[in-house]
C-alpha atoms as a PDB file:
ATOM      1  CA  MET A   1     140.053 146.818 139.908  1.00  0.00           C
ATOM      2  CA  LEU A   2     137.632 144.667 141.943  1.00  0.00           C
ATOM      3  CA  LYS A   3     139.004 141.574 140.199  1.00  0.00           C
ATOM      4  CA  ASP A   4     142.533 142.657 141.175  1.00  0.00           C
ATOM      5  CA  ILE A   5     141.447 142.886 144.811  1.00  0.00           C
ATOM      6  CA  GLU A   6     139.825 139.441 144.620  1.00  0.00           C
ATOM      7  CA  ASN A   7     143.051 138.039 143.153  1.00  0.00           C
ATOM      8  CA  ALA A   8     145.232 139.678 145.804  1.00  0.00           C
ATOM      9  CA  ASN A   9     142.982 138.287 148.543  1.00  0.00           C
ATOM     10  CA  ALA A  10     143.164 134.803 146.997  1.00  0.00           C
ATOM     11  CA  GLN A  11     146.975 135.074 146.881  1.00  0.00           C
ATOM     12  CA  PHE A  12     147.005 135.859 150.605  1.00  0.00           C
ATOM     13  CA  TYR A  13     145.057 132.687 151.422  1.00  0.00           C
ATOM     14  CA  ASP A  14     147.179 130.670 148.979  1.00  0.00           C
ATOM     15  CA  ALA A  15     150.289 131.806 150.860  1.00  0.00           C
ATOM     16  CA  PHE A  16     148.658 130.808 154.140  1.00  0.00           C
ATOM     17  CA  GLU A  17     147.587 127.361 152.875  1.00  0.00           C
ATOM     18  CA  ASN A  18     151.028 126.753 151.401  1.00  0.00           C
ATOM     19  CA  VAL A  19     152.636 127.756 154.716  1.00  0.00           C
ATOM     20  CA  SER A  20     155.008 129.895 152.637  1.00  0.00           C
ATOM     21  CA  ILE A  21     156.850 132.857 154.072  1.00  0.00           C
ATOM     22  CA  GLY A  22     158.129 133.617 150.562  1.00  0.00           C
ATOM     23  CA  MET A  23     154.586 133.922 149.239  1.00  0.00           C
ATOM     24  CA  MET A  24     153.604 136.062 152.257  1.00  0.00           C
ATOM     25  CA  GLU A  25     156.575 138.349 151.603  1.00  0.00           C
ATOM     26  CA  ASN A  26     155.338 138.806 148.045  1.00  0.00           C
ATOM     27  CA  ILE A  27     151.764 139.775 148.967  1.00  0.00           C
ATOM     28  CA  TRP A  28     152.510 142.040 151.976  1.00  0.00           C
ATOM     29  CA  SER A  29     153.733 145.612 151.853  1.00  0.00           C
ATOM     30  CA  HIS A  30     157.057 145.941 153.655  1.00  0.00           C
ATOM     31  CA  ASN A  31     156.248 149.324 155.193  1.00  0.00           C
ATOM     32  CA  ASP A  32     156.647 150.129 158.863  1.00  0.00           C
ATOM     33  CA  ASP A  33     152.967 151.050 159.245  1.00  0.00           C
ATOM     34  CA  CYS A  34     151.439 147.723 158.160  1.00  0.00           C
ATOM     35  CA  ILE A  35     149.304 146.011 160.797  1.00  0.00           C
ATOM     36  CA  CYS A  36     148.445 142.361 161.417  1.00  0.00           C
ATOM     37  CA  ILE A  37     146.203 141.042 164.177  1.00  0.00           C
ATOM     38  CA  HIS A  38     145.828 137.269 164.442  1.00  0.00           C
ATOM     39  CA  PRO A  39     142.916 135.921 166.538  1.00  0.00           C
ATOM     40  CA  GLY A  40     143.885 136.059 170.200  1.00  0.00           C
ATOM     41  CA  TRP A  41     147.296 137.629 169.537  1.00  0.00           C
ATOM     42  CA  GLU A  42     148.686 141.079 170.081  1.00  0.00           C
ATOM     43  CA  MET A  43     148.880 143.656 167.297  1.00  0.00           C
ATOM     44  CA  PHE A  44     151.960 143.441 165.074  1.00  0.00           C
ATOM     45  CA  VAL A  45     153.096 146.679 163.424  1.00  0.00           C
ATOM     46  CA  GLY A  46     155.607 146.858 160.592  1.00  0.00           C
ATOM     47  CA  TRP A  47     156.673 144.175 158.155  1.00  0.00           C
ATOM     48  CA  LEU A  48     159.480 142.732 160.297  1.00  0.00           C
ATOM     49  CA  ALA A  49     157.153 142.058 163.260  1.00  0.00           C
ATOM     50  CA  ILE A  50     154.444 140.741 160.922  1.00  0.00           C
ATOM     51  CA  ARG A  51     156.946 138.461 159.184  1.00  0.00           C
ATOM     52  CA  GLU A  52     158.013 137.019 162.548  1.00  0.00           C
ATOM     53  CA  SER A  53     154.365 136.322 163.433  1.00  0.00           C
ATOM     54  CA  TRP A  54     153.873 134.387 160.183  1.00  0.00           C
ATOM     55  CA  MET A  55     157.078 132.444 160.748  1.00  0.00           C
ATOM     56  CA  THR A  56     155.786 131.415 164.191  1.00  0.00           C
ATOM     57  CA  ILE A  57     152.433 130.350 162.753  1.00  0.00           C
ATOM     58  CA  PHE A  58     154.051 128.427 159.906  1.00  0.00           C
ATOM     59  CA  ALA A  59     156.497 126.662 162.231  1.00  0.00           C
ATOM     60  CA  ASN A  60     153.501 125.304 164.150  1.00  0.00           C
ATOM     61  CA  THR A  61     151.158 124.580 161.236  1.00  0.00           C
ATOM     62  CA  GLU A  62     151.156 121.191 159.588  1.00  0.00           C
ATOM     63  CA  ASN A  63     148.095 121.460 157.379  1.00  0.00           C
ATOM     64  CA  ILE A  64     145.530 124.227 156.983  1.00  0.00           C
ATOM     65  CA  LYS A  65     142.724 124.757 154.470  1.00  0.00           C
ATOM     66  CA  PHE A  66     140.440 127.748 153.996  1.00  0.00           C
ATOM     67  CA  THR A  67     136.992 128.023 152.534  1.00  0.00           C
ATOM     68  CA  ILE A  68     136.306 131.737 152.223  1.00  0.00           C
ATOM     69  CA  THR A  69     132.642 132.780 152.421  1.00  0.00           C
ATOM     70  CA  ASN A  70     130.568 135.919 152.920  1.00  0.00           C
ATOM     71  CA  THR A  71     133.091 138.004 151.005  1.00  0.00           C
ATOM     72  CA  LYS A  72     132.422 141.711 150.653  1.00  0.00           C
ATOM     73  CA  ILE A  73     134.754 144.038 148.745  1.00  0.00           C
ATOM     74  CA  LYS A  74     134.820 147.815 148.856  1.00  0.00           C
ATOM     75  CA  LEU A  75     137.052 149.937 146.636  1.00  0.00           C
ATOM     76  CA  TYR A  76     138.139 153.417 147.674  1.00  0.00           C
ATOM     77  CA  GLU A  77     139.353 155.851 145.007  1.00  0.00           C
ATOM     78  CA  GLU A  78     140.978 153.092 142.939  1.00  0.00           C
ATOM     79  CA  VAL A  79     143.884 152.773 145.404  1.00  0.00           C
ATOM     80  CA  VAL A  80     142.528 151.003 148.501  1.00  0.00           C
ATOM     81  CA  GLY A  81     140.538 147.794 148.586  1.00  0.00           C
ATOM     82  CA  VAL A  82     138.888 146.437 151.719  1.00  0.00           C
ATOM     83  CA  VAL A  83     137.863 142.793 151.888  1.00  0.00           C
ATOM     84  CA  THR A  84     135.757 141.384 154.691  1.00  0.00           C
ATOM     85  CA  CYS A  85     135.058 137.681 154.758  1.00  0.00           C
ATOM     86  CA  VAL A  86     134.616 134.587 156.872  1.00  0.00           C
ATOM     87  CA  GLU A  87     137.581 132.237 157.002  1.00  0.00           C
ATOM     88  CA  ASN A  88     136.213 128.718 157.403  1.00  0.00           C
ATOM     89  CA  ILE A  89     139.356 126.954 158.557  1.00  0.00           C
ATOM     90  CA  LYS A  90     140.101 123.244 158.701  1.00  0.00           C
ATOM     91  CA  MET A  91     143.300 122.168 160.422  1.00  0.00           C
ATOM     92  CA  ILE A  92     144.671 118.750 161.187  1.00  0.00           C
ATOM     93  CA  LEU A  93     146.259 118.640 164.615  1.00  0.00           C
ATOM     94  CA  ASN A  94     147.471 115.412 166.208  1.00  0.00           C
ATOM     95  CA  GLU A  95     145.575 113.406 163.575  1.00  0.00           C
ATOM     96  CA  GLY A  96     142.301 115.117 164.488  1.00  0.00           C
ATOM     97  CA  LYS A  97     140.386 117.687 162.489  1.00  0.00           C
ATOM     98  CA  VAL A  98     139.786 121.098 164.019  1.00  0.00           C
ATOM     99  CA  PHE A  99     137.306 123.545 162.515  1.00  0.00           C
ATOM    100  CA  ASN A 100     137.419 127.271 163.256  1.00  0.00           C
ATOM    101  CA  GLY A 101     135.649 130.314 161.947  1.00  0.00           C
ATOM    102  CA  VAL A 102     137.270 133.728 161.783  1.00  0.00           C
ATOM    103  CA  VAL A 103     135.837 137.015 160.556  1.00  0.00           C
ATOM    104  CA  ALA A 104     138.663 138.731 158.681  1.00  0.00           C
ATOM    105  CA  THR A 105     139.349 142.161 157.285  1.00  0.00           C
ATOM    106  CA  ASN A 106     142.109 142.505 154.691  1.00  0.00           C
ATOM    107  CA  ILE A 107     143.103 145.901 153.339  1.00  0.00           C
ATOM    108  CA  PHE A 108     145.125 146.246 150.167  1.00  0.00           C
ATOM    109  CA  GLU A 109     146.751 149.399 148.809  1.00  0.00           C
ATOM    110  CA  TYR A 110     147.891 150.011 145.283  1.00  0.00           C
ATOM    111  CA  ASP A 111     151.680 150.407 145.268  1.00  0.00           C
ATOM    112  CA  GLY A 112     152.627 152.745 142.433  1.00  0.00           C
ATOM    113  CA  ASN A 113     156.264 151.629 142.475  1.00  0.00           C
ATOM    114  CA  GLN A 114     155.436 147.940 142.148  1.00  0.00           C
ATOM    115  CA  LYS A 115     152.293 148.619 140.116  1.00  0.00           C
ATOM    116  CA  ARG A 116     150.199 146.136 142.102  1.00  0.00           C
ATOM    117  CA  LEU A 117     148.094 145.709 145.231  1.00  0.00           C
ATOM    118  CA  LEU A 118     149.856 144.894 148.483  1.00  0.00           C
ATOM    119  CA  LEU A 119     148.355 143.813 151.794  1.00  0.00           C
ATOM    120  CA  VAL A 120     148.757 146.491 154.468  1.00  0.00           C
ATOM    121  CA  TYR A 121     146.294 145.275 157.114  1.00  0.00           C
ATOM    122  CA  HIS A 122     144.931 141.920 158.258  1.00  0.00           C
ATOM    123  CA  HIS A 123     142.674 141.463 161.272  1.00  0.00           C
ATOM    124  CA  GLY A 124     141.101 138.167 162.233  1.00  0.00           C
ATOM    125  CA  SER A 125     138.489 137.760 164.994  1.00  0.00           C
ATOM    126  CA  PRO A 126     137.293 134.308 166.067  1.00  0.00           C
ATOM    127  CA  ILE A 127     133.616 133.475 165.755  1.00  0.00           C
ATOM    128  CA  SER A 128     132.070 132.159 168.970  1.00  0.00           C
ATOM    129  CA  ASP A 129     129.778 129.138 168.614  1.00  0.00           C
ATOM    130  CA  TYR A 130     131.143 128.515 165.119  1.00  0.00           C
ATOM    131  CA  LEU A 131     129.487 125.874 162.932  1.00  0.00           C
ATOM    132  CA  PRO A 132     131.397 125.002 159.749  1.00  0.00           C
ATOM    133  CA  PRO A 133     129.537 125.081 156.422  1.00  0.00           C
ATOM    134  CA  THR A 134     128.040 121.640 155.809  1.00  0.00           C
ATOM    135  CA  ASN A 135     128.991 121.467 152.118  1.00  0.00           C
ATOM    136  CA  SER A 136     132.563 122.743 152.363  1.00  0.00           C
ATOM    137  CA  TYR A 137     134.314 119.965 154.227  1.00  0.00           C
END
């Protein structure tokens, strides 16, 4: 099950890097109680609000790459997986590189109907005084 959680987490970041709302729709639960908190944004509750937030991000994102470090995974009763990690983010904005660090928590629940893990919670908090890993970029 831990490998399934790792794979689901990787799919989330693949969707983000591909700036793909279709891929995000596939990884997220579509329940009304899902929560997403982007760094510096308000809390979005329910799939429709979360979907709109991703569409806004994707409309304003040209290129984004993640190097995920410091990953910790905790499994609860074979149905809930919690991933904490550091998102080392490289973006290209106006032909300049921007590096950001975000501490993220991603929570996945096993959906018995779909027989797979779905993202139900994402929270990202910016890291102050962030220094990107020297060997990742």
